[in-house]
Protein backbone atom coordinates (compact mmCIF):
# COMPACT_ATOMS: atom_id res chain seq x y z
CA MET A 1 -37.89 -54.05 -11.93
CA VAL A 2 -38.39 -50.25 -13.42
CA ILE A 3 -41.95 -50.41 -15.14
CA ARG A 4 -41.60 -47.62 -18.20
CA ARG A 5 -45.10 -47.41 -19.40
CA MET A 6 -45.93 -43.70 -17.18
CA CYS A 7 -42.80 -42.30 -18.13
CA MET A 8 -42.44 -43.23 -21.84
CA LEU A 9 -46.30 -41.82 -22.50
CA GLY A 10 -45.39 -37.80 -21.40
CA LEU A 11 -44.34 -37.51 -25.04
CA MET A 12 -47.71 -38.39 -25.98
CA MET A 13 -49.98 -36.10 -23.30
CA THR A 14 -48.52 -32.34 -23.95
CA VAL A 15 -51.59 -31.11 -25.62
CA LEU A 16 -55.19 -31.34 -26.06
CA GLN A 17 -56.47 -33.44 -28.27
CA GLY A 18 -57.41 -32.02 -31.78
CA ALA A 19 -56.85 -31.81 -35.80
CA TYR A 20 -53.04 -31.28 -36.40
CA ALA A 21 -53.53 -28.93 -38.87
CA GLN A 22 -56.89 -27.45 -40.76
CA ASN A 23 -57.51 -29.39 -44.47
CA ALA A 24 -54.86 -31.79 -44.15
CA ALA A 25 -54.80 -35.32 -45.27
CA PRO A 26 -55.38 -38.17 -42.45
CA LEU A 27 -52.06 -39.01 -41.23
CA THR A 28 -51.17 -42.71 -41.45
CA PHE A 29 -47.81 -45.43 -40.73
CA GLU A 30 -46.55 -46.09 -43.84
CA VAL A 31 -45.88 -49.88 -42.04
CA ALA A 32 -47.18 -51.23 -38.79
CA THR A 33 -46.98 -55.14 -37.34
CA ILE A 34 -49.13 -55.82 -34.96
CA ARG A 35 -48.49 -59.07 -32.84
CA ASP A 36 -50.24 -60.80 -29.63
CA THR A 37 -47.72 -60.33 -27.03
CA ASP A 38 -45.98 -63.58 -26.05
CA PRO A 39 -47.23 -64.14 -22.15
CA SER A 40 -43.95 -66.66 -21.88
CA SER A 41 -41.93 -63.52 -22.41
CA PRO A 42 -43.33 -61.17 -20.22
CA ILE A 43 -41.93 -57.28 -20.15
CA PRO A 44 -43.32 -53.97 -18.51
CA PRO A 45 -45.85 -52.43 -20.58
CA SER A 46 -44.58 -49.58 -22.65
CA ILE A 47 -45.03 -47.29 -25.52
CA ARG A 48 -42.24 -45.10 -26.94
CA ASP A 49 -42.04 -42.49 -29.87
CA LEU A 50 -38.99 -42.82 -31.54
CA GLY A 51 -39.19 -39.91 -33.86
CA ASN A 52 -40.50 -41.97 -37.18
CA ARG A 53 -41.38 -45.03 -35.20
CA LEU A 54 -43.73 -46.16 -32.63
CA LEU A 55 -43.22 -49.40 -30.08
CA VAL A 56 -46.00 -50.62 -28.40
CA ARG A 57 -45.27 -53.46 -26.16
CA ASN A 58 -47.68 -55.54 -23.45
CA MET A 59 -50.70 -53.14 -23.78
CA THR A 60 -54.22 -53.58 -24.04
CA LEU A 61 -56.37 -52.14 -26.99
CA GLN A 62 -58.26 -50.23 -24.19
CA GLU A 63 -54.71 -49.04 -22.89
CA ILE A 64 -53.51 -47.79 -26.54
CA ILE A 65 -57.40 -46.06 -27.06
CA SER A 66 -56.49 -44.52 -23.88
CA ILE A 67 -53.23 -42.83 -25.29
CA ALA A 68 -54.44 -42.31 -28.61
CA TYR A 69 -57.20 -40.41 -27.50
CA ASP A 70 -55.65 -38.37 -24.37
CA LEU A 71 -57.50 -39.93 -22.24
CA ASN A 72 -56.85 -41.09 -18.37
CA PHE A 73 -54.20 -43.75 -17.93
CA ALA A 74 -55.69 -47.16 -17.19
CA SER A 75 -59.23 -45.29 -16.39
CA GLU A 76 -61.89 -47.74 -17.43
CA GLN A 77 -64.65 -44.47 -16.57
CA GLN A 78 -63.42 -43.16 -20.34
CA VAL A 79 -63.47 -45.74 -22.44
CA ILE A 80 -67.19 -47.52 -22.75
CA GLY A 81 -68.47 -50.12 -24.42
CA GLY A 82 -66.78 -53.36 -26.92
CA PRO A 83 -65.80 -56.72 -25.94
CA SER A 84 -64.34 -57.79 -23.15
CA TRP A 85 -61.05 -58.77 -24.76
CA MET A 86 -60.34 -54.87 -25.18
CA SER A 87 -59.30 -55.06 -21.68
CA THR A 88 -57.36 -58.53 -21.25
CA GLU A 89 -55.52 -59.05 -24.27
CA ARG A 90 -52.23 -57.50 -25.06
CA PHE A 91 -50.30 -56.42 -27.97
CA ASP A 92 -47.09 -55.61 -29.76
CA VAL A 93 -47.40 -53.03 -32.25
CA THR A 94 -44.19 -51.54 -34.04
CA ALA A 95 -45.21 -48.61 -36.80
CA LYS A 96 -43.20 -46.90 -39.33
CA GLU A 97 -43.72 -43.68 -40.54
CA ASP A 98 -42.98 -42.50 -44.22
CA GLU A 99 -40.12 -39.89 -44.41
CA GLY A 100 -42.55 -37.38 -45.75
CA VAL A 101 -44.72 -37.88 -42.78
CA ALA A 102 -41.96 -37.99 -40.09
CA LYS A 103 -40.53 -34.72 -41.63
CA HIS A 104 -43.96 -32.86 -41.51
CA ILE A 105 -44.30 -33.70 -37.86
CA GLN A 106 -40.77 -32.68 -36.56
CA ASP A 107 -41.72 -29.10 -38.73
CA LEU A 108 -44.66 -28.66 -36.90
CA PRO A 109 -44.60 -26.46 -33.68
CA ALA A 110 -43.82 -28.59 -30.65
CA GLU A 111 -47.65 -27.99 -29.14
CA LYS A 112 -48.76 -29.80 -32.02
CA GLN A 113 -46.77 -32.85 -32.49
CA GLY A 114 -48.78 -34.71 -29.80
CA ASP A 115 -51.60 -34.17 -32.12
CA ALA A 116 -49.76 -35.41 -34.89
CA ASN A 117 -48.83 -38.45 -32.97
CA ARG A 118 -52.30 -39.28 -31.91
CA ALA A 119 -53.77 -38.95 -35.07
CA LEU A 120 -51.51 -41.38 -36.72
CA MET A 121 -52.85 -43.84 -33.19
CA GLN A 122 -56.01 -43.50 -34.14
CA SER A 123 -55.27 -43.63 -38.16
CA LEU A 124 -53.87 -47.16 -37.18
CA LEU A 125 -56.77 -48.13 -34.75
CA ALA A 126 -59.20 -47.38 -37.19
CA GLU A 127 -57.40 -49.39 -39.89
CA ARG A 128 -56.00 -52.33 -38.34
CA PHE A 129 -58.69 -52.90 -35.54
CA GLY A 130 -61.83 -51.37 -36.84
CA LEU A 131 -62.19 -48.76 -34.44
CA LYS A 132 -64.81 -46.49 -34.73
CA VAL A 133 -66.03 -44.47 -31.49
CA HIS A 134 -67.87 -41.39 -30.67
CA GLN A 135 -67.74 -39.16 -27.56
CA GLU A 136 -69.99 -37.96 -25.26
CA GLN A 137 -70.02 -35.62 -22.06
CA ARG A 138 -71.04 -37.43 -18.87
CA THR A 139 -71.33 -36.70 -15.20
CA LEU A 140 -69.31 -39.36 -13.27
CA THR A 141 -68.02 -39.96 -9.51
CA THR A 142 -63.89 -38.87 -9.96
CA TYR A 143 -61.54 -38.11 -7.38
CA THR A 144 -59.67 -34.58 -7.48
CA LEU A 145 -56.80 -33.83 -5.94
CA GLU A 146 -56.36 -30.94 -4.53
CA ILE A 147 -53.92 -29.63 -1.67
CA ALA A 148 -54.09 -30.45 1.61
CA LYS A 149 -54.45 -28.51 5.08
CA GLY A 150 -51.01 -26.81 5.63
CA GLY A 151 -49.89 -26.73 1.78
CA PRO A 152 -47.96 -28.69 -0.95
CA LYS A 153 -44.77 -30.31 0.15
CA LEU A 154 -42.90 -30.41 -3.56
CA SER A 155 -39.68 -29.23 -4.78
CA HIS A 156 -39.78 -27.49 -8.11
CA GLY A 157 -38.53 -29.89 -11.39
CA VAL A 158 -34.81 -29.30 -12.73
CA LEU A 159 -34.55 -30.50 -16.30
CA ASP A 160 -31.81 -32.93 -16.99
CA ALA A 161 -29.39 -31.95 -19.80
CA HIS A 162 -28.04 -35.42 -19.99
CA LEU A 163 -31.39 -37.17 -20.49
CA PRO A 164 -31.79 -39.28 -23.90
CA SER A 165 -34.24 -37.52 -26.23
CA ASP A 166 -36.82 -40.43 -26.72
CA ILE A 167 -37.24 -40.07 -22.68
CA PRO A 168 -39.46 -36.87 -21.96
CA GLN A 169 -38.47 -34.59 -19.38
CA ASN A 170 -42.17 -34.81 -17.64
CA ARG A 171 -42.46 -37.92 -16.73
CA VAL A 172 -43.79 -40.41 -13.60
CA ASN A 173 -41.44 -43.57 -13.17
CA VAL A 174 -43.51 -46.37 -11.60
CA ARG A 175 -40.81 -47.93 -10.00
CA GLY A 176 -42.54 -50.90 -8.58
CA VAL A 177 -45.97 -51.30 -6.41
CA GLY A 178 -46.29 -48.37 -4.16
CA TRP A 179 -43.42 -46.29 -5.26
CA LEU A 180 -43.69 -43.57 -7.94
CA GLU A 181 -40.87 -41.04 -8.93
CA ALA A 182 -41.93 -37.69 -10.84
CA HIS A 183 -39.29 -35.93 -12.64
CA ASN A 184 -39.92 -32.21 -13.85
CA THR A 185 -43.74 -33.01 -13.57
CA ASP A 186 -46.70 -31.27 -13.69
CA MET A 187 -49.75 -32.26 -11.96
CA THR A 188 -52.05 -33.11 -14.89
CA LEU A 189 -49.55 -35.69 -15.54
CA PHE A 190 -49.17 -36.81 -11.73
CA ALA A 191 -52.85 -37.21 -11.61
CA LYS A 192 -53.36 -39.13 -14.80
CA THR A 193 -50.70 -41.46 -13.30
CA LEU A 194 -52.48 -41.67 -10.10
CA SER A 195 -55.51 -42.68 -11.74
CA SER A 196 -54.00 -46.31 -12.83
CA GLN A 197 -53.58 -47.32 -9.19
CA ALA A 198 -54.98 -50.26 -8.29
CA GLU A 199 -56.38 -48.43 -5.06
CA LEU A 200 -58.61 -46.05 -6.99
CA THR A 201 -60.13 -49.03 -8.63
CA GLY A 202 -60.28 -47.57 -12.40
CA ARG A 203 -62.04 -44.15 -11.08
CA MET A 204 -60.10 -41.23 -12.58
CA VAL A 205 -57.91 -38.40 -11.15
CA MET A 206 -58.75 -34.69 -11.73
CA ASP A 207 -56.16 -32.34 -11.23
CA ARG A 208 -57.76 -29.32 -8.95
CA THR A 209 -54.64 -28.14 -7.01
CA GLY A 210 -54.36 -24.91 -9.13
CA LEU A 211 -50.42 -25.65 -9.18
CA LYS A 212 -49.18 -24.78 -12.74
CA GLY A 213 -45.26 -25.53 -11.84
CA ARG A 214 -43.48 -28.32 -12.18
CA TYR A 215 -42.17 -30.57 -9.50
CA ASN A 216 -39.57 -33.62 -8.56
CA PHE A 217 -40.96 -35.69 -6.10
CA THR A 218 -41.01 -39.01 -4.74
CA LEU A 219 -43.97 -41.42 -3.47
CA ARG A 220 -44.41 -44.27 -1.43
CA TRP A 221 -47.01 -46.32 0.30
CA THR A 222 -47.91 -49.90 0.88
CA PRO A 223 -50.66 -50.92 -1.55
CA ALA A 224 -54.53 -51.20 0.78
CA THR A 225 -57.74 -50.82 0.15
CA LEU A 226 -59.16 -47.11 0.48
CA THR A 227 -60.78 -47.88 3.44
CA GLY A 228 -57.63 -48.07 5.53
CA ASP A 229 -57.03 -51.65 6.82
CA GLU A 230 -53.01 -51.24 6.50
CA ASP A 231 -50.84 -52.64 8.91
CA ALA A 232 -50.29 -49.79 11.33
CA ASP A 233 -46.40 -50.78 11.70
CA ALA A 234 -46.21 -50.73 7.51
CA SER A 235 -45.63 -47.84 5.32
CA PRO A 236 -48.58 -44.89 4.87
CA SER A 237 -51.66 -46.03 2.37
CA LEU A 238 -51.87 -43.87 -0.55
CA LEU A 239 -54.24 -41.40 0.89
CA SER A 240 -52.29 -40.88 3.89
CA ALA A 241 -48.87 -40.79 1.66
CA LEU A 242 -50.22 -38.42 -0.59
CA GLN A 243 -50.85 -36.01 2.59
CA GLU A 244 -48.13 -36.55 4.58
CA GLN A 245 -45.04 -36.59 2.03
CA LEU A 246 -46.86 -34.18 -0.81
CA GLY A 247 -49.25 -32.56 0.91
CA LEU A 248 -51.72 -33.45 -1.27
CA LYS A 249 -55.21 -35.27 -0.80
CA LEU A 250 -57.65 -36.86 -2.76
CA THR A 251 -61.89 -35.74 -2.78
CA THR A 252 -64.47 -37.52 -4.19
CA ARG A 253 -66.73 -35.52 -6.21
CA LYS A 254 -69.09 -35.53 -9.43
CA ASN A 255 -67.56 -34.03 -12.81
CA PRO A 256 -68.12 -33.65 -16.21
CA VAL A 257 -66.18 -36.01 -17.75
CA ASN A 258 -65.20 -36.51 -21.76
CA VAL A 259 -65.74 -40.00 -22.31
CA LEU A 260 -65.17 -42.28 -25.71
CA LEU A 261 -67.89 -45.14 -26.58
CA VAL A 262 -66.97 -47.64 -28.65
CA ASP A 263 -69.42 -48.45 -31.65
CA SER A 264 -67.43 -50.81 -33.21
CA VAL A 265 -64.04 -52.81 -32.69
CA GLU A 266 -62.13 -56.35 -34.29
CA ARG A 267 -59.25 -58.33 -33.42
CA PRO A 268 -56.39 -56.68 -35.63
CA SER A 269 -56.15 -57.46 -39.51
CA ALA A 270 -53.18 -59.81 -40.25
CA ASN A 271 -50.05 -58.02 -40.88
């Protein structure tokens, strides 16, 4: 089954977090519906920006916060505090912008549209989940994505002229456990995607490759612990696959990291 979450997140991860315009009123959705995900009909986690609508399916509040504040995918290191249900209970969200807000965002330069989309999400979290947060910088043990000995083994990305407009060119498809497909992907997005892999136990990955281009590649491995206890006849571990297939490696280092501390939050208000 194709898990859609990573390929859809690229629309909202293109620029640094910030205000979309000086002295502008906060952006808000016109209407929003929030429901608990139906456990009897599980679907892959996903988030899609459809121009004037936001669709979230089967995602935890912690994951939604990570996207709204431009943090690493599924990185427990960067969202600190709050009740345990933030990382266990899953929600479906459908939110719609009014015509004026939608047109305003569409008229913004492309590099500002990501900021505006995140501003909308942050307003929704504040209004419906009562979310209050503040940011700090802490020194954390992370993984850094670096070039391995022998250099990178990457093919340059190619734009797909036939791709539907709601699917970003810069994306990583999670095709299954131990299987990633990158399409016209930069190393920043790839590092964020690696952060969500179970082998890395929630520790974030930071791009230190120095590679500025975009690339197409496939990465396949046998899920295993970082101790290397995989079957010798099976596919390589994640660490081995990175080096053998892509010419990249992960190194443990301490780095200054922006983290988000949850001051208060509550289950969503009624629709």
